[in-house]
Amino acid sequence: MTETTEAPVAGAVDATPDRILAAIEQIETRSQAFQTVQEKFLERLERMEEQNRSHIEIPNPGPPKPVFSKGEWLQTVVRLISGERLPDLQMRALDDVITTDNPGVVPPTYLTELIGVIDSRRPFLGSTRRLEEPATMKLTVPVITQRPLAAVQATEKTEVESRKTLITSTDFEAVTIAGAGDLSIQLIKKSTPSFLNLWMELLAEAYAIESEDQAIQALFNATGGVGAGNALNPEDLDLGDAFVQSFDAIRRPPDTIWLSTAAVGAFIDAKASTTNQPLYPGLAASATAAGGITGVVSGLRPVHVPTLDAHGAYAIVGPSSGFAWAEGGTYTLQADNPTLAGRDIALVGLLYPAPWYPAAFSLYNVAS
């Protein structure tokens, strides 16, 4: 019978005993060389330890670790049998790859919510009486200077009481409040978020602050600052004079107390002297930065007016109908400037502050 010889499978390793033994010997040679180097290093380390024992202590490194694990030893045998060259052992440090080094693929993204936008609310104007806008630049109002009288008739057919009625008028001048800017077309078109929308929001905020200030200033001018030196202590509250003053002026009691920021804090912090409990718990519990304050203070509606922070009076007590105002709304004016590739934008409004009954208001400095 002729012996059949099969061709070796392609890619198979010719694992002859001589080549396996040669690979094992090469591994053992490398391992012995490494152990020799390690033993010399340990001997040198021991000599250094003896020389410097009085200064430093060197921890025992423990028994030498094998050069290769079992898995590494088998992989090395196979690679040697297949004729592959073993690479030298190397230690490599990897480079950091972070976002700041790659701004091209991680561009900045800005939120639509911006730091610095305050509030465009007008709490003083919003809590007083608004009138229709007049057709002229003056708000002309009839003023009763003398009223008719009524009295008990002494007897039948005797003369009854009579007094002439006198009516004059007074004018409240319009105040023009405006702000403007010249924006480049590049800034308008390329800004994200929209700079134009942001700028108009900030301009509206500035308009609201200024209109509030003009209204408060008109009230102060009309009252002559009467009562601004009076101290109001939230922990020993006395508003009797304010009630009398309002009733004498228009025969109506006050219904509102307008407070500066410091005054709001003084009322929130007010404590009872015996129990140290808050005197105005409803005011403290409902105070929020966004919605203002609610509750009552001695039957009065509290209104937080930040504009008062810049004035001498920190609290105003009076009737909400005793101050009136009119406004024609605000107008946005725009005109392109082709020679500069820009756009002129303005926000304009007319405000008519009218202290209707200035004598009905009492001004206080709040202290605690």
Protein backbone atom coordinates (compact mmCIF):
# COMPACT_ATOMS: atom_id res chain seq x y z
CA MET A 1 0.00 0.00 0.00
CA THR A 2 1.30 3.40 -0.95
CA GLU A 3 1.36 5.87 2.09
CA THR A 4 -0.88 8.89 1.55
CA THR A 5 0.70 12.22 2.55
CA GLU A 6 -1.68 15.19 3.16
CA ALA A 7 -0.58 18.69 2.34
CA PRO A 8 -0.24 20.96 5.41
CA VAL A 9 -3.13 23.34 6.02
CA ALA A 10 -2.37 26.87 4.83
CA GLY A 11 -1.30 29.12 7.68
CA ALA A 12 -0.60 26.25 10.06
CA VAL A 13 2.47 26.53 12.29
CA ASP A 14 5.24 24.00 11.76
CA ALA A 15 5.47 23.10 15.40
CA THR A 16 8.49 20.80 15.28
CA PRO A 17 10.01 19.86 18.63
CA ASP A 18 13.30 21.59 17.81
CA ARG A 19 11.64 24.96 17.14
CA ILE A 20 9.50 24.71 20.29
CA LEU A 21 12.56 23.92 22.39
CA ALA A 22 14.46 26.81 20.80
CA ALA A 23 11.63 29.22 21.64
CA ILE A 24 11.47 28.01 25.21
CA GLU A 25 15.22 28.39 25.59
CA GLN A 26 15.02 31.96 24.23
CA ILE A 27 12.29 32.83 26.76
CA GLU A 28 14.24 31.28 29.61
CA THR A 29 17.36 33.16 28.51
CA ARG A 30 15.47 36.48 28.52
CA SER A 31 13.90 35.64 31.89
CA GLN A 32 17.26 34.71 33.43
CA ALA A 33 18.81 37.92 32.07
CA PHE A 34 16.02 40.00 33.59
CA GLN A 35 16.35 38.19 36.91
CA THR A 36 20.08 38.83 36.91
CA VAL A 37 19.52 42.55 36.34
CA GLN A 38 16.87 42.59 39.05
CA GLU A 39 19.17 40.79 41.51
CA LYS A 40 21.96 43.32 40.85
CA PHE A 41 19.48 46.17 41.34
CA LEU A 42 18.34 44.70 44.65
CA GLU A 43 21.94 44.24 45.80
CA ARG A 44 22.70 47.87 44.95
CA LEU A 45 19.52 48.94 46.72
CA GLU A 46 20.56 47.01 49.85
CA ARG A 47 24.00 48.72 49.83
CA MET A 48 22.32 52.13 49.54
CA GLU A 49 20.00 51.18 52.39
CA GLU A 50 22.94 50.26 54.59
CA GLN A 51 24.69 53.55 53.81
CA ASN A 52 21.62 55.71 54.44
CA ARG A 53 19.81 53.71 57.11
CA SER A 54 20.29 56.55 59.59
CA HIS A 55 18.52 58.99 57.26
CA ILE A 56 15.89 57.12 55.31
CA GLU A 57 14.06 53.82 55.33
CA ILE A 58 13.51 51.94 52.10
CA PRO A 59 10.53 49.56 52.06
CA ASN A 60 11.16 45.89 51.26
CA PRO A 61 10.25 45.40 47.60
CA GLY A 62 9.27 41.77 48.30
CA PRO A 63 10.16 38.77 46.22
CA PRO A 64 10.88 39.39 42.54
CA LYS A 65 7.91 39.01 40.29
CA PRO A 66 8.12 36.64 37.34
CA VAL A 67 9.06 38.22 34.05
CA PHE A 68 6.01 36.77 32.26
CA SER A 69 2.63 35.56 33.40
CA LYS A 70 1.38 32.19 32.15
CA GLY A 71 -0.75 33.84 29.50
CA GLU A 72 2.14 36.03 28.31
CA TRP A 73 4.49 33.00 28.31
CA LEU A 74 2.16 30.97 26.03
CA GLN A 75 1.62 33.95 23.69
CA THR A 76 5.37 34.45 23.44
CA VAL A 77 5.93 30.75 22.62
CA VAL A 78 3.42 30.85 19.78
CA ARG A 79 4.83 34.10 18.38
CA LEU A 80 8.38 32.68 18.46
CA ILE A 81 7.28 29.44 16.78
CA SER A 82 5.61 31.41 14.01
CA GLY A 83 8.83 33.32 13.42
CA GLU A 84 7.54 36.70 14.67
CA ARG A 85 10.14 39.05 16.16
CA LEU A 86 9.49 39.98 19.78
CA PRO A 87 9.39 43.79 20.27
CA ASP A 88 11.28 45.49 23.04
CA LEU A 89 9.27 46.38 26.12
CA GLN A 90 8.37 50.10 26.10
CA MET A 91 6.50 52.47 28.41
CA ARG A 92 4.39 55.11 26.60
CA ALA A 93 2.67 58.28 27.99
CA LEU A 94 -0.67 59.08 26.32
CA ASP A 95 -1.46 62.65 25.25
CA ASP A 96 -4.57 64.36 26.63
CA VAL A 97 -7.28 65.18 24.13
CA ILE A 98 -9.69 67.78 25.62
CA THR A 99 -12.38 70.22 24.45
CA THR A 100 -10.37 73.40 24.92
CA ASP A 101 -7.80 72.17 22.40
CA ASN A 102 -10.51 71.62 19.80
CA PRO A 103 -12.70 74.76 19.69
CA GLY A 104 -13.48 74.13 16.05
CA VAL A 105 -15.75 71.22 16.88
CA VAL A 106 -16.97 72.52 20.26
CA PRO A 107 -18.05 76.12 19.61
CA PRO A 108 -19.59 78.24 22.41
CA THR A 109 -23.38 78.08 22.70
CA TYR A 110 -25.08 80.95 24.52
CA LEU A 111 -28.35 80.58 26.40
CA THR A 112 -31.23 82.93 25.75
CA GLU A 113 -31.37 83.64 29.49
CA LEU A 114 -28.89 86.44 30.23
CA ILE A 115 -27.27 87.67 33.39
CA GLY A 116 -28.04 91.33 34.03
CA VAL A 117 -31.68 91.55 32.92
CA ILE A 118 -33.59 92.93 35.90
CA ASP A 119 -37.32 93.57 35.63
CA SER A 120 -39.52 95.84 33.54
CA ARG A 121 -42.43 95.86 36.01
CA ARG A 122 -43.62 99.18 37.45
CA PRO A 123 -45.13 98.37 40.86
CA PHE A 124 -45.91 101.97 41.88
CA LEU A 125 -47.65 102.90 38.64
CA GLY A 126 -49.30 99.49 38.49
CA SER A 127 -50.87 99.99 41.94
CA THR A 128 -52.24 103.51 41.33
CA ARG A 129 -54.94 104.99 39.09
CA ARG A 130 -54.44 105.13 35.32
CA LEU A 131 -56.27 107.67 33.14
CA GLU A 132 -56.83 107.94 29.42
CA GLU A 133 -54.15 109.71 27.45
CA PRO A 134 -55.03 113.34 26.65
CA ALA A 135 -54.84 114.78 23.16
CA THR A 136 -52.29 117.43 24.15
CA MET A 137 -49.01 117.54 26.03
CA LYS A 138 -50.88 118.57 29.18
CA LEU A 139 -53.27 116.68 31.39
CA THR A 140 -55.76 119.38 32.39
CA VAL A 141 -57.96 118.47 35.35
CA PRO A 142 -60.80 120.44 37.02
CA VAL A 143 -60.11 121.19 40.68
CA ILE A 144 -62.82 121.91 43.23
CA THR A 145 -61.61 124.77 45.40
CA GLN A 146 -64.86 125.52 47.20
CA ARG A 147 -67.77 123.18 47.88
CA PRO A 148 -71.44 123.83 48.61
CA LEU A 149 -72.63 123.54 52.19
CA ALA A 150 -75.60 121.91 53.84
CA ALA A 151 -76.92 122.60 57.34
CA VAL A 152 -80.01 122.21 59.49
CA GLN A 153 -82.72 124.84 58.82
CA ALA A 154 -83.36 126.85 61.97
CA THR A 155 -87.13 127.07 61.55
CA GLU A 156 -89.61 126.89 58.76
CA LYS A 157 -89.30 129.61 56.18
CA THR A 158 -85.87 130.70 57.43
CA GLU A 159 -82.92 130.99 55.12
CA VAL A 160 -81.07 127.73 54.47
CA GLU A 161 -77.31 127.34 54.17
CA SER A 162 -75.75 128.33 50.86
CA ARG A 163 -72.20 128.71 49.58
CA LYS A 164 -70.79 129.31 46.17
CA THR A 165 -69.04 126.42 44.43
CA LEU A 166 -65.70 127.26 42.86
CA ILE A 167 -63.91 125.08 40.35
CA THR A 168 -60.56 125.89 38.79
CA SER A 169 -58.16 123.65 36.88
CA THR A 170 -54.62 122.42 37.09
CA ASP A 171 -52.25 121.03 34.52
CA PHE A 172 -49.94 118.07 34.70
CA GLU A 173 -47.18 118.27 32.10
CA ALA A 174 -46.16 115.29 30.01
CA VAL A 175 -42.71 113.85 30.52
CA THR A 176 -40.95 112.42 27.46
CA ILE A 177 -38.87 109.37 28.31
CA ALA A 178 -36.71 107.94 25.55
CA GLY A 179 -33.59 105.96 24.80
CA ALA A 180 -31.85 105.21 21.49
CA GLY A 181 -28.86 103.53 19.88
CA ASP A 182 -27.17 103.01 16.53
CA LEU A 183 -26.75 99.27 15.91
CA SER A 184 -24.63 97.86 13.13
CA ILE A 185 -26.38 95.61 10.64
CA GLN A 186 -23.70 92.97 11.24
CA LEU A 187 -24.55 92.83 14.95
CA ILE A 188 -28.26 92.65 14.22
CA LYS A 189 -27.94 89.87 11.62
CA LYS A 190 -25.19 87.69 13.09
CA SER A 191 -25.75 87.78 16.84
CA THR A 192 -26.98 84.63 18.60
CA PRO A 193 -29.06 85.11 20.66
CA SER A 194 -30.50 88.13 18.90
CA PHE A 195 -28.79 91.27 20.15
CA LEU A 196 -31.67 93.38 18.83
CA ASN A 197 -34.19 91.54 21.00
CA LEU A 198 -31.88 91.73 24.00
CA TRP A 199 -31.22 95.43 23.46
CA MET A 200 -34.94 96.22 23.17
CA GLU A 201 -35.58 94.30 26.39
CA LEU A 202 -32.88 96.25 28.22
CA LEU A 203 -34.20 99.52 26.80
CA ALA A 204 -37.72 98.67 28.01
CA GLU A 205 -36.27 97.91 31.42
CA ALA A 206 -34.54 101.30 31.49
CA TYR A 207 -37.79 103.00 30.43
CA ALA A 208 -39.71 101.30 33.24
CA ILE A 209 -37.15 102.33 35.87
CA GLU A 210 -37.15 105.95 34.69
CA SER A 211 -40.95 106.23 34.47
CA GLU A 212 -41.30 104.86 38.01
CA ASP A 213 -38.74 107.36 39.24
CA GLN A 214 -40.53 110.26 37.53
CA ALA A 215 -43.83 109.27 39.15
CA ILE A 216 -42.32 109.02 42.63
CA GLN A 217 -40.50 112.32 42.15
CA ALA A 218 -43.75 114.02 41.08
CA LEU A 219 -45.44 112.81 44.27
CA PHE A 220 -42.55 114.03 46.42
CA ASN A 221 -42.57 117.44 44.74
CA ALA A 222 -46.32 117.79 45.26
CA THR A 223 -46.18 116.83 48.95
CA GLY A 224 -43.12 118.96 49.61
CA GLY A 225 -41.59 116.01 51.42
CA VAL A 226 -44.10 116.36 54.25
CA GLY A 227 -43.53 113.65 56.85
CA ALA A 228 -40.34 112.35 55.27
CA GLY A 229 -38.56 112.79 58.59
CA ASN A 230 -41.09 110.70 60.50
CA ALA A 231 -39.75 107.39 61.75
CA LEU A 232 -41.82 104.25 61.25
CA ASN A 233 -40.86 101.28 63.41
CA PRO A 234 -42.33 97.96 62.21
CA GLU A 235 -41.96 96.53 65.73
CA ASP A 236 -44.00 99.39 67.20
CA LEU A 237 -46.16 100.36 64.24
CA ASP A 238 -48.17 103.60 64.51
CA LEU A 239 -50.07 104.68 61.39
CA GLY A 240 -52.74 106.78 63.08
CA ASP A 241 -51.42 110.07 61.66
CA ALA A 242 -51.45 108.62 58.13
CA PHE A 243 -55.08 107.60 58.54
CA VAL A 244 -56.06 111.07 59.76
CA GLN A 245 -54.09 112.82 57.02
CA SER A 246 -55.68 110.74 54.24
CA PHE A 247 -59.18 111.15 55.62
CA ASP A 248 -58.79 114.92 56.02
CA ALA A 249 -57.63 115.25 52.41
CA ILE A 250 -60.22 113.18 50.55
CA ARG A 251 -62.40 111.67 53.28
CA ARG A 252 -60.98 108.27 52.48
CA PRO A 253 -58.66 106.07 54.53
CA PRO A 254 -55.33 104.89 53.12
CA ASP A 255 -55.34 101.47 51.50
CA THR A 256 -51.72 100.92 50.45
CA ILE A 257 -48.23 101.12 51.93
CA TRP A 258 -45.44 101.39 49.34
CA LEU A 259 -42.14 100.06 50.68
CA SER A 260 -38.50 100.28 49.63
CA THR A 261 -36.37 97.15 49.63
CA ALA A 262 -34.88 97.98 53.04
CA ALA A 263 -38.36 98.63 54.43
CA VAL A 264 -39.60 95.23 53.20
CA GLY A 265 -36.67 93.62 55.00
CA ALA A 266 -37.45 95.56 58.18
CA PHE A 267 -41.05 94.34 58.19
CA ILE A 268 -40.02 90.73 57.50
CA ASP A 269 -37.47 90.86 60.34
CA ALA A 270 -39.84 92.52 62.84
CA LYS A 271 -40.25 90.32 65.94
CA ALA A 272 -42.49 90.42 68.99
CA SER A 273 -40.53 91.58 72.02
CA THR A 274 -41.97 88.89 74.32
CA THR A 275 -42.09 85.78 72.10
CA ASN A 276 -39.58 86.74 69.37
CA GLN A 277 -42.13 85.55 66.81
CA PRO A 278 -42.49 87.35 63.44
CA LEU A 279 -45.02 90.17 63.61
CA TYR A 280 -45.92 89.86 59.93
CA PRO A 281 -45.72 86.12 59.12
CA GLY A 282 -47.98 86.45 56.09
CA LEU A 283 -45.70 89.06 54.59
CA ALA A 284 -42.58 86.98 55.18
CA ALA A 285 -44.09 83.77 53.83
CA SER A 286 -45.27 85.30 50.58
CA ALA A 287 -42.28 87.48 49.78
CA THR A 288 -40.72 86.41 46.48
CA ALA A 289 -38.16 88.04 44.23
CA ALA A 290 -40.23 87.60 41.07
CA GLY A 291 -43.79 88.28 42.24
CA GLY A 292 -43.23 90.98 44.84
CA ILE A 293 -44.97 90.74 48.20
CA THR A 294 -48.53 90.08 49.28
CA GLY A 295 -50.45 90.02 52.52
CA VAL A 296 -51.42 92.96 54.72
CA VAL A 297 -49.70 95.39 57.06
CA SER A 298 -52.19 96.83 59.53
CA GLY A 299 -54.91 96.40 56.93
CA LEU A 300 -52.84 98.04 54.17
CA ARG A 301 -51.77 96.36 50.94
CA PRO A 302 -47.94 96.27 50.84
CA VAL A 303 -46.26 97.05 47.52
CA HIS A 304 -42.51 96.71 47.00
CA VAL A 305 -41.19 99.69 45.01
CA PRO A 306 -37.43 99.36 44.28
CA THR A 307 -37.38 102.94 42.95
CA LEU A 308 -37.81 104.15 46.55
CA ASP A 309 -34.34 102.77 47.34
CA ALA A 310 -32.78 105.86 45.78
CA HIS A 311 -34.92 108.36 47.73
CA GLY A 312 -35.08 109.57 51.29
CA ALA A 313 -38.55 108.22 52.02
CA TYR A 314 -38.58 104.48 52.53
CA ALA A 315 -42.34 104.08 52.98
CA ILE A 316 -45.38 105.91 51.62
CA VAL A 317 -48.85 105.44 53.08
CA GLY A 318 -51.91 106.69 51.22
CA PRO A 319 -54.88 105.92 48.99
CA SER A 320 -54.09 104.21 45.69
CA SER A 321 -56.62 106.46 43.94
CA GLY A 322 -54.86 109.56 45.23
CA PHE A 323 -52.18 109.33 42.53
CA ALA A 324 -53.14 109.19 38.85
CA TRP A 325 -51.19 108.94 35.64
CA ALA A 326 -51.65 108.63 31.92
CA GLU A 327 -49.43 107.21 29.23
CA GLY A 328 -49.72 106.99 25.49
CA GLY A 329 -47.80 103.76 25.35
CA THR A 330 -44.28 103.39 24.03
CA TYR A 331 -43.21 103.74 20.43
CA THR A 332 -40.31 101.99 18.71
CA LEU A 333 -38.75 104.18 16.05
CA GLN A 334 -36.33 102.71 13.50
CA ALA A 335 -34.42 104.24 10.60
CA ASP A 336 -31.67 102.60 8.51
CA ASN A 337 -28.44 104.49 7.98
CA PRO A 338 -27.05 103.21 4.63
CA THR A 339 -23.82 105.21 4.78
CA LEU A 340 -22.82 103.45 8.01
CA ALA A 341 -24.56 100.12 7.43
CA GLY A 342 -26.43 100.63 10.66
CA ARG A 343 -29.89 101.05 12.08
CA ASP A 344 -30.98 103.79 14.47
CA ILE A 345 -33.51 102.48 16.99
CA ALA A 346 -35.28 104.43 19.73
CA LEU A 347 -37.91 103.71 22.36
CA VAL A 348 -40.06 106.74 23.24
CA GLY A 349 -42.99 107.19 25.59
CA LEU A 350 -45.06 110.03 27.07
CA LEU A 351 -45.90 109.85 30.78
CA TYR A 352 -48.32 112.16 32.58
CA PRO A 353 -47.70 111.81 36.35
CA ALA A 354 -50.58 113.44 38.26
CA PRO A 355 -50.48 113.58 42.08
CA TRP A 356 -54.27 113.79 42.43
CA TYR A 357 -54.44 114.29 46.22
CA PRO A 358 -50.88 114.86 47.46
CA ALA A 359 -52.06 115.86 50.94
CA ALA A 360 -53.47 112.37 51.45
CA PHE A 361 -50.01 110.75 51.42
CA SER A 362 -47.67 110.31 54.39
CA LEU A 363 -43.94 109.74 53.94
CA TYR A 364 -41.84 107.79 56.45
CA ASN A 365 -38.33 106.62 57.14
CA VAL A 366 -38.48 103.01 58.24
CA ALA A 367 -36.27 101.84 61.09
CA SER A 368 -36.22 98.68 63.18
